[in-house]
Amino acid sequence: MRYAQENSPAPSPVHVAIIMDGNGRWAKARGLPRTAGHRKGVEAVRRTVEAARELGIAYLTIFSFSSENWRRPQEEVSELMGLLRLYLRSEIAELHRAGVRLKVVGDRRKLDHDIVRMIANAEEMTAGNTAMTLVVALNYGSRQEIAHAARRLVEEVLDGRLDPAAIDEEAIAARLFTHGIPDPDLIVRTSGEKRLSNFLLWQSAYAELVFTDTLWPDFTKRDLEAAIEEFHRRERRFGATTAGSR
């Protein structure tokens, strides 16, 4: 059964996307290295995936590594890639047992070959699962994604496979990394920052945005529930107006 606020006619969010922010600040507040915050953040991912499945969310997208994150110190990038390897080795079997399908979106060309192979194996293993879809945005940047889709359209036009007159919103969406995934209903960002940071810019056109001061390593099921409760309080008009509103 999908989560719904009591006495509320509003539907539950089908797709929740989360910008996981605050690992570094969590560690700094405790006198720990940033890598300790990232490791603690992995525990928050585990809790949140379980909570989302329990609440009946069909799609959960997490922003795990942006295309801009390569600019961070090499030691930190190496730690993040190591944590990714650990997650793929240790968590996929449990996701599979829980009926969770894994899908990774982003540009895989800069990733090490062993990581690409583990991702492909995990996606194949969980492809038939239907309890929930976990979408991991990895080496992902929305502007780059849109540029990639534009290049594909140009190539298809030049090859004579696509009529330029047929290029519309659906044609662009079909060439994004997220093709086949519904647009997010709700985007949550932790740590108090209030921006999208190049995350799902096309897909978030009508998403509700909720910002919480909670640092990602401290994020719990109750934080997710609070974001959903806020979602229920919103009036979603998708560009339309209602009587007495502008």
C-alpha atoms as a PDB file:
ATOM      1  CA  MET A   1       0.000   0.000   0.000  1.00  0.00           C
ATOM      2  CA  ARG A   2       1.377   3.398  -0.878  1.00  0.00           C
ATOM      3  CA  TYR A   3       2.033   5.891   1.861  1.00  0.00           C
ATOM      4  CA  ALA A   4      -0.609   8.591   2.100  1.00  0.00           C
ATOM      5  CA  GLN A   5      -1.177  11.275   4.669  1.00  0.00           C
ATOM      6  CA  GLU A   6      -4.214  10.537   6.835  1.00  0.00           C
ATOM      7  CA  ASN A   7      -7.431  12.135   5.552  1.00  0.00           C
ATOM      8  CA  SER A   8      -5.607  13.521   2.508  1.00  0.00           C
ATOM      9  CA  PRO A   9      -6.933  12.879  -1.005  1.00  0.00           C
ATOM     10  CA  ALA A  10      -3.547  13.691  -2.545  1.00  0.00           C
ATOM     11  CA  PRO A  11      -1.762  10.733  -4.119  1.00  0.00           C
ATOM     12  CA  SER A  12       1.540   9.543  -2.734  1.00  0.00           C
ATOM     13  CA  PRO A  13       4.644  10.435  -4.739  1.00  0.00           C
ATOM     14  CA  VAL A  14       5.438   7.738  -7.255  1.00  0.00           C
ATOM     15  CA  HIS A  15       9.005   8.962  -7.694  1.00  0.00           C
ATOM     16  CA  VAL A  16      11.113  10.605  -4.991  1.00  0.00           C
ATOM     17  CA  ALA A  17      14.583  11.909  -5.840  1.00  0.00           C
ATOM     18  CA  ILE A  18      17.137  12.899  -3.195  1.00  0.00           C
ATOM     19  CA  ILE A  19      20.191  15.129  -3.385  1.00  0.00           C
ATOM     20  CA  MET A  20      22.284  13.624  -0.594  1.00  0.00           C
ATOM     21  CA  ASP A  21      24.217  16.554   0.843  1.00  0.00           C
ATOM     22  CA  GLY A  22      26.096  17.214   4.064  1.00  0.00           C
ATOM     23  CA  ASN A  23      28.503  14.310   4.483  1.00  0.00           C
ATOM     24  CA  GLY A  24      31.493  16.617   4.761  1.00  0.00           C
ATOM     25  CA  ARG A  25      29.828  18.953   7.254  1.00  0.00           C
ATOM     26  CA  TRP A  26      28.682  15.990   9.334  1.00  0.00           C
ATOM     27  CA  ALA A  27      32.273  14.786   9.572  1.00  0.00           C
ATOM     28  CA  LYS A  28      33.729  18.245  10.225  1.00  0.00           C
ATOM     29  CA  ALA A  29      31.307  18.833  13.113  1.00  0.00           C
ATOM     30  CA  ARG A  30      32.720  15.688  14.737  1.00  0.00           C
ATOM     31  CA  GLY A  31      36.366  16.374  14.007  1.00  0.00           C
ATOM     32  CA  LEU A  32      36.494  13.525  11.504  1.00  0.00           C
ATOM     33  CA  PRO A  33      37.835  13.366   7.929  1.00  0.00           C
ATOM     34  CA  ARG A  34      35.332  13.880   5.105  1.00  0.00           C
ATOM     35  CA  THR A  35      35.696  10.219   4.190  1.00  0.00           C
ATOM     36  CA  ALA A  36      34.083   9.301   7.528  1.00  0.00           C
ATOM     37  CA  GLY A  37      31.044  11.320   6.502  1.00  0.00           C
ATOM     38  CA  HIS A  38      30.835   9.491   3.190  1.00  0.00           C
ATOM     39  CA  ARG A  39      31.000   6.131   4.939  1.00  0.00           C
ATOM     40  CA  LYS A  40      28.234   7.200   7.309  1.00  0.00           C
ATOM     41  CA  GLY A  41      26.276   8.414   4.294  1.00  0.00           C
ATOM     42  CA  VAL A  42      26.234   4.883   2.887  1.00  0.00           C
ATOM     43  CA  GLU A  43      24.372   3.778   6.008  1.00  0.00           C
ATOM     44  CA  ALA A  44      21.820   6.520   5.348  1.00  0.00           C
ATOM     45  CA  VAL A  45      21.365   5.185   1.804  1.00  0.00           C
ATOM     46  CA  ARG A  46      20.604   1.747   3.211  1.00  0.00           C
ATOM     47  CA  ARG A  47      18.052   3.168   5.676  1.00  0.00           C
ATOM     48  CA  THR A  48      16.401   5.337   3.054  1.00  0.00           C
ATOM     49  CA  VAL A  49      16.036   2.575   0.475  1.00  0.00           C
ATOM     50  CA  GLU A  50      14.384   0.383   3.082  1.00  0.00           C
ATOM     51  CA  ALA A  51      12.121   3.225   4.219  1.00  0.00           C
ATOM     52  CA  ALA A  52      11.096   4.111   0.670  1.00  0.00           C
ATOM     53  CA  ARG A  53      10.173   0.508  -0.042  1.00  0.00           C
ATOM     54  CA  GLU A  54       8.142   0.312   3.176  1.00  0.00           C
ATOM     55  CA  LEU A  55       6.321   3.539   2.288  1.00  0.00           C
ATOM     56  CA  GLY A  56       5.350   2.252  -1.133  1.00  0.00           C
ATOM     57  CA  ILE A  57       7.467   4.637  -3.218  1.00  0.00           C
ATOM     58  CA  ALA A  58       7.830   3.056  -6.641  1.00  0.00           C
ATOM     59  CA  TYR A  59      10.980   4.935  -7.742  1.00  0.00           C
ATOM     60  CA  LEU A  60      13.734   6.334  -5.550  1.00  0.00           C
ATOM     61  CA  THR A  61      16.567   8.238  -7.215  1.00  0.00           C
ATOM     62  CA  ILE A  62      19.713   9.172  -5.292  1.00  0.00           C
ATOM     63  CA  PHE A  63      22.366  11.605  -6.540  1.00  0.00           C
ATOM     64  CA  SER A  64      25.463   9.664  -5.588  1.00  0.00           C
ATOM     65  CA  PHE A  65      28.236  11.243  -7.683  1.00  0.00           C
ATOM     66  CA  SER A  66      27.968  14.220 -10.011  1.00  0.00           C
ATOM     67  CA  SER A  67      30.035  14.841 -13.112  1.00  0.00           C
ATOM     68  CA  GLU A  68      31.512  17.834 -11.248  1.00  0.00           C
ATOM     69  CA  ASN A  69      32.691  15.683  -8.327  1.00  0.00           C
ATOM     70  CA  TRP A  70      35.804  14.653 -10.260  1.00  0.00           C
ATOM     71  CA  ARG A  71      37.183  18.081  -9.317  1.00  0.00           C
ATOM     72  CA  ARG A  72      37.390  17.061  -5.670  1.00  0.00           C
ATOM     73  CA  PRO A  73      40.746  15.982  -4.184  1.00  0.00           C
ATOM     74  CA  GLN A  74      41.924  12.690  -5.658  1.00  0.00           C
ATOM     75  CA  GLU A  75      41.979  11.033  -2.241  1.00  0.00           C
ATOM     76  CA  GLU A  76      38.304  11.841  -1.714  1.00  0.00           C
ATOM     77  CA  VAL A  77      37.330  10.672  -5.218  1.00  0.00           C
ATOM     78  CA  SER A  78      39.194   7.402  -4.645  1.00  0.00           C
ATOM     79  CA  GLU A  79      37.354   6.926  -1.350  1.00  0.00           C
ATOM     80  CA  LEU A  80      33.993   7.533  -3.044  1.00  0.00           C
ATOM     81  CA  MET A  81      34.795   5.024  -5.771  1.00  0.00           C
ATOM     82  CA  GLY A  82      35.873   2.534  -3.127  1.00  0.00           C
ATOM     83  CA  LEU A  83      32.581   2.988  -1.295  1.00  0.00           C
ATOM     84  CA  LEU A  84      30.740   2.469  -4.564  1.00  0.00           C
ATOM     85  CA  ARG A  85      32.581  -0.809  -5.105  1.00  0.00           C
ATOM     86  CA  LEU A  86      31.766  -1.856  -1.548  1.00  0.00           C
ATOM     87  CA  TYR A  87      28.087  -0.996  -2.016  1.00  0.00           C
ATOM     88  CA  LEU A  88      27.869  -2.949  -5.269  1.00  0.00           C
ATOM     89  CA  ARG A  89      29.529  -5.976  -3.654  1.00  0.00           C
ATOM     90  CA  SER A  90      27.693  -5.968  -0.333  1.00  0.00           C
ATOM     91  CA  GLU A  91      24.236  -4.513  -0.965  1.00  0.00           C
ATOM     92  CA  ILE A  92      23.030  -5.831  -4.306  1.00  0.00           C
ATOM     93  CA  ALA A  93      22.173  -9.302  -3.031  1.00  0.00           C
ATOM     94  CA  GLU A  94      20.038  -7.758  -0.280  1.00  0.00           C
ATOM     95  CA  LEU A  95      18.352  -5.400  -2.759  1.00  0.00           C
ATOM     96  CA  HIS A  96      17.602  -8.392  -4.939  1.00  0.00           C
ATOM     97  CA  ARG A  97      16.103 -10.338  -2.019  1.00  0.00           C
ATOM     98  CA  ALA A  98      13.931  -7.312  -1.230  1.00  0.00           C
ATOM     99  CA  GLY A  99      12.643  -7.181  -4.803  1.00  0.00           C
ATOM    100  CA  VAL A 100      14.385  -3.896  -5.641  1.00  0.00           C
ATOM    101  CA  ARG A 101      15.462  -3.220  -9.211  1.00  0.00           C
ATOM    102  CA  LEU A 102      18.688  -1.232  -9.644  1.00  0.00           C
ATOM    103  CA  LYS A 103      19.190   1.192 -12.499  1.00  0.00           C
ATOM    104  CA  VAL A 104      22.238   3.427 -12.845  1.00  0.00           C
ATOM    105  CA  VAL A 105      21.999   6.614 -14.912  1.00  0.00           C
ATOM    106  CA  GLY A 106      24.864   8.808 -16.026  1.00  0.00           C
ATOM    107  CA  ASP A 107      27.964   8.684 -18.200  1.00  0.00           C
ATOM    108  CA  ARG A 108      29.884   5.489 -17.474  1.00  0.00           C
ATOM    109  CA  ARG A 109      32.833   6.273 -19.728  1.00  0.00           C
ATOM    110  CA  LYS A 110      35.009   7.773 -16.954  1.00  0.00           C
ATOM    111  CA  LEU A 111      34.331   4.947 -14.520  1.00  0.00           C
ATOM    112  CA  ASP A 112      36.835   2.143 -14.020  1.00  0.00           C
ATOM    113  CA  HIS A 113      36.095  -1.020 -15.966  1.00  0.00           C
ATOM    114  CA  ASP A 114      35.478  -3.133 -12.882  1.00  0.00           C
ATOM    115  CA  ILE A 115      32.835  -0.680 -11.654  1.00  0.00           C
ATOM    116  CA  VAL A 116      31.107  -0.662 -15.034  1.00  0.00           C
ATOM    117  CA  ARG A 117      31.088  -4.456 -15.010  1.00  0.00           C
ATOM    118  CA  MET A 118      29.659  -4.618 -11.472  1.00  0.00           C
ATOM    119  CA  ILE A 119      26.935  -2.134 -12.412  1.00  0.00           C
ATOM    120  CA  ALA A 120      25.957  -4.155 -15.472  1.00  0.00           C
ATOM    121  CA  ASN A 121      25.854  -7.374 -13.430  1.00  0.00           C
ATOM    122  CA  ALA A 122      23.734  -5.734 -10.712  1.00  0.00           C
ATOM    123  CA  GLU A 123      21.284  -4.296 -13.234  1.00  0.00           C
ATOM    124  CA  GLU A 124      20.973  -7.660 -14.945  1.00  0.00           C
ATOM    125  CA  MET A 125      20.481  -9.520 -11.652  1.00  0.00           C
ATOM    126  CA  THR A 126      17.712  -7.206 -10.455  1.00  0.00           C
ATOM    127  CA  ALA A 127      16.052  -6.453 -13.801  1.00  0.00           C
ATOM    128  CA  GLY A 128      12.921  -8.471 -13.081  1.00  0.00           C
ATOM    129  CA  ASN A 129      12.268  -7.072  -9.608  1.00  0.00           C
ATOM    130  CA  THR A 130       9.081  -5.071  -9.084  1.00  0.00           C
ATOM    131  CA  ALA A 131       8.909  -3.987  -5.418  1.00  0.00           C
ATOM    132  CA  MET A 132      10.731  -0.716  -6.127  1.00  0.00           C
ATOM    133  CA  THR A 133      13.246   0.771  -8.548  1.00  0.00           C
ATOM    134  CA  LEU A 134      16.374   2.329  -7.077  1.00  0.00           C
ATOM    135  CA  VAL A 135      17.916   4.756  -9.553  1.00  0.00           C
ATOM    136  CA  VAL A 136      21.506   5.759  -8.817  1.00  0.00           C
ATOM    137  CA  ALA A 137      22.711   8.902 -10.591  1.00  0.00           C
ATOM    138  CA  LEU A 138      26.425   8.234 -11.031  1.00  0.00           C
ATOM    139  CA  ASN A 139      28.818  10.526 -12.895  1.00  0.00           C
ATOM    140  CA  TYR A 140      25.637  12.382 -13.726  1.00  0.00           C
ATOM    141  CA  GLY A 141      25.106  15.989 -14.752  1.00  0.00           C
ATOM    142  CA  SER A 142      21.811  17.194 -16.162  1.00  0.00           C
ATOM    143  CA  ARG A 143      23.266  19.726 -18.613  1.00  0.00           C
ATOM    144  CA  GLN A 144      25.589  17.065 -19.966  1.00  0.00           C
ATOM    145  CA  GLU A 145      22.647  14.669 -20.225  1.00  0.00           C
ATOM    146  CA  ILE A 146      20.634  17.178 -22.265  1.00  0.00           C
ATOM    147  CA  ALA A 147      23.645  17.906 -24.497  1.00  0.00           C
ATOM    148  CA  HIS A 148      24.081  14.160 -25.034  1.00  0.00           C
ATOM    149  CA  ALA A 149      20.424  13.854 -26.065  1.00  0.00           C
ATOM    150  CA  ALA A 150      20.826  16.786 -28.467  1.00  0.00           C
ATOM    151  CA  ARG A 151      23.860  15.164 -30.107  1.00  0.00           C
ATOM    152  CA  ARG A 152      21.915  11.938 -30.579  1.00  0.00           C
ATOM    153  CA  LEU A 153      19.079  13.834 -32.247  1.00  0.00           C
ATOM    154  CA  VAL A 154      21.487  15.625 -34.590  1.00  0.00           C
ATOM    155  CA  GLU A 155      23.169  12.338 -35.533  1.00  0.00           C
ATOM    156  CA  GLU A 156      19.818  10.705 -36.283  1.00  0.00           C
ATOM    157  CA  VAL A 157      18.735  13.661 -38.427  1.00  0.00           C
ATOM    158  CA  LEU A 158      22.019  13.650 -40.363  1.00  0.00           C
ATOM    159  CA  ASP A 159      21.717   9.893 -40.903  1.00  0.00           C
ATOM    160  CA  GLY A 160      18.217  10.349 -42.271  1.00  0.00           C
ATOM    161  CA  ARG A 161      16.664   8.313 -39.453  1.00  0.00           C
ATOM    162  CA  LEU A 162      14.747  11.231 -37.945  1.00  0.00           C
ATOM    163  CA  ASP A 163      12.677  14.044 -39.434  1.00  0.00           C
ATOM    164  CA  PRO A 164      13.602  17.357 -37.736  1.00  0.00           C
ATOM    165  CA  ALA A 165       9.896  18.156 -37.581  1.00  0.00           C
ATOM    166  CA  ALA A 166       9.468  15.139 -35.294  1.00  0.00           C
ATOM    167  CA  ILE A 167      11.707  16.603 -32.586  1.00  0.00           C
ATOM    168  CA  ASP A 168       9.519  17.503 -29.640  1.00  0.00           C
ATOM    169  CA  GLU A 169       9.618  17.141 -25.855  1.00  0.00           C
ATOM    170  CA  GLU A 170       8.940  13.411 -26.072  1.00  0.00           C
ATOM    171  CA  ALA A 171      11.763  12.932 -28.570  1.00  0.00           C
ATOM    172  CA  ILE A 172      14.211  14.652 -26.246  1.00  0.00           C
ATOM    173  CA  ALA A 173      12.981  12.759 -23.161  1.00  0.00           C
ATOM    174  CA  ALA A 174      13.370   9.462 -25.013  1.00  0.00           C
ATOM    175  CA  ARG A 175      17.098  10.150 -25.403  1.00  0.00           C
ATOM    176  CA  LEU A 176      17.839  11.133 -21.838  1.00  0.00           C
ATOM    177  CA  PHE A 177      19.592   8.762 -19.433  1.00  0.00           C
ATOM    178  CA  THR A 178      16.306   8.511 -17.515  1.00  0.00           C
ATOM    179  CA  HIS A 179      14.251   7.230 -20.441  1.00  0.00           C
ATOM    180  CA  GLY A 180      11.572   4.885 -19.153  1.00  0.00           C
ATOM    181  CA  ILE A 181      11.633   6.359 -15.634  1.00  0.00           C
ATOM    182  CA  PRO A 182       8.756   8.669 -14.650  1.00  0.00           C
ATOM    183  CA  ASP A 183       9.658  12.246 -13.803  1.00  0.00           C
ATOM    184  CA  PRO A 184      10.100  12.841 -10.058  1.00  0.00           C
ATOM    185  CA  ASP A 185       7.097  14.047  -8.111  1.00  0.00           C
ATOM    186  CA  LEU A 186       9.244  15.143  -5.177  1.00  0.00           C
ATOM    187  CA  ILE A 187      12.882  16.200  -4.932  1.00  0.00           C
ATOM    188  CA  VAL A 188      14.428  16.365  -1.461  1.00  0.00           C
ATOM    189  CA  ARG A 189      17.741  18.044  -0.698  1.00  0.00           C
ATOM    190  CA  THR A 190      19.405  17.608   2.652  1.00  0.00           C
ATOM    191  CA  SER A 191      21.787  19.885   4.635  1.00  0.00           C
ATOM    192  CA  GLY A 192      19.891  23.155   4.183  1.00  0.00           C
ATOM    193  CA  GLU A 193      21.169  23.991   0.693  1.00  0.00           C
ATOM    194  CA  LYS A 194      18.405  25.190  -1.659  1.00  0.00           C
ATOM    195  CA  ARG A 195      19.453  24.465  -5.214  1.00  0.00           C
ATOM    196  CA  LEU A 196      19.293  21.585  -7.702  1.00  0.00           C
ATOM    197  CA  SER A 197      23.011  21.527  -8.529  1.00  0.00           C
ATOM    198  CA  ASN A 198      22.611  20.262 -12.094  1.00  0.00           C
ATOM    199  CA  PHE A 199      20.344  17.388 -11.027  1.00  0.00           C
ATOM    200  CA  LEU A 200      17.369  16.267 -13.150  1.00  0.00           C
ATOM    201  CA  LEU A 201      16.841  19.751 -14.601  1.00  0.00           C
ATOM    202  CA  TRP A 202      14.645  18.545 -17.463  1.00  0.00           C
ATOM    203  CA  GLN A 203      12.790  15.973 -15.393  1.00  0.00           C
ATOM    204  CA  SER A 204      12.060  18.293 -12.450  1.00  0.00           C
ATOM    205  CA  ALA A 205       9.900  20.736 -14.410  1.00  0.00           C
ATOM    206  CA  TYR A 206       6.872  20.054 -12.196  1.00  0.00           C
ATOM    207  CA  ALA A 207       8.472  18.374  -9.208  1.00  0.00           C
ATOM    208  CA  GLU A 208       7.806  19.630  -5.710  1.00  0.00           C
ATOM    209  CA  LEU A 209      11.019  20.683  -3.956  1.00  0.00           C
ATOM    210  CA  VAL A 210      11.555  20.093  -0.250  1.00  0.00           C
ATOM    211  CA  PHE A 211      14.695  21.254   1.557  1.00  0.00           C
ATOM    212  CA  THR A 212      15.652  19.955   4.974  1.00  0.00           C
ATOM    213  CA  ASP A 213      18.413  21.060   7.322  1.00  0.00           C
ATOM    214  CA  THR A 214      19.155  17.437   8.223  1.00  0.00           C
ATOM    215  CA  LEU A 215      22.637  16.386   7.116  1.00  0.00           C
ATOM    216  CA  TRP A 216      22.551  13.308   4.927  1.00  0.00           C
ATOM    217  CA  PRO A 217      24.266  10.893   7.382  1.00  0.00           C
ATOM    218  CA  ASP A 218      21.510  11.723   9.912  1.00  0.00           C
ATOM    219  CA  PHE A 219      18.631  11.264   7.440  1.00  0.00           C
ATOM    220  CA  THR A 220      16.032   8.770   8.692  1.00  0.00           C
ATOM    221  CA  LYS A 221      12.671   7.330   7.743  1.00  0.00           C
ATOM    222  CA  ARG A 222      11.032  10.109   9.740  1.00  0.00           C
ATOM    223  CA  ASP A 223      12.784  12.734   7.589  1.00  0.00           C
ATOM    224  CA  LEU A 224      11.479  11.015   4.480  1.00  0.00           C
ATOM    225  CA  GLU A 225       7.985  10.880   5.957  1.00  0.00           C
ATOM    226  CA  ALA A 226       8.173  14.585   6.803  1.00  0.00           C
ATOM    227  CA  ALA A 227       9.107  15.399   3.198  1.00  0.00           C
ATOM    228  CA  ILE A 228       6.170  13.337   1.953  1.00  0.00           C
ATOM    229  CA  GLU A 229       3.838  15.082   4.392  1.00  0.00           C
ATOM    230  CA  GLU A 230       5.011  18.408   2.985  1.00  0.00           C
ATOM    231  CA  PHE A 231       4.407  17.043  -0.513  1.00  0.00           C
ATOM    232  CA  HIS A 232       0.812  16.286   0.453  1.00  0.00           C
ATOM    233  CA  ARG A 233       0.310  19.874   1.571  1.00  0.00           C
ATOM    234  CA  ARG A 234       1.255  21.200  -1.861  1.00  0.00           C
ATOM    235  CA  GLU A 235      -1.299  21.899  -4.591  1.00  0.00           C
ATOM    236  CA  ARG A 236       0.146  20.541  -7.803  1.00  0.00           C
ATOM    237  CA  ARG A 237      -1.229  22.397 -10.839  1.00  0.00           C
ATOM    238  CA  PHE A 238       1.257  21.463 -13.582  1.00  0.00           C
ATOM    239  CA  GLY A 239       1.029  24.927 -15.108  1.00  0.00           C
ATOM    240  CA  ALA A 240      -2.754  25.196 -14.766  1.00  0.00           C
ATOM    241  CA  THR A 241      -4.570  27.517 -12.368  1.00  0.00           C
ATOM    242  CA  THR A 242      -7.466  26.985 -10.057  1.00  0.00           C
ATOM    243  CA  ALA A 243     -10.292  29.309  -9.170  1.00  0.00           C
ATOM    244  CA  GLY A 244      -9.029  32.287  -7.177  1.00  0.00           C
ATOM    245  CA  SER A 245      -5.348  31.569  -7.901  1.00  0.00           C
ATOM    246  CA  ARG A 246      -2.842  33.110 -10.240  1.00  0.00           C
END
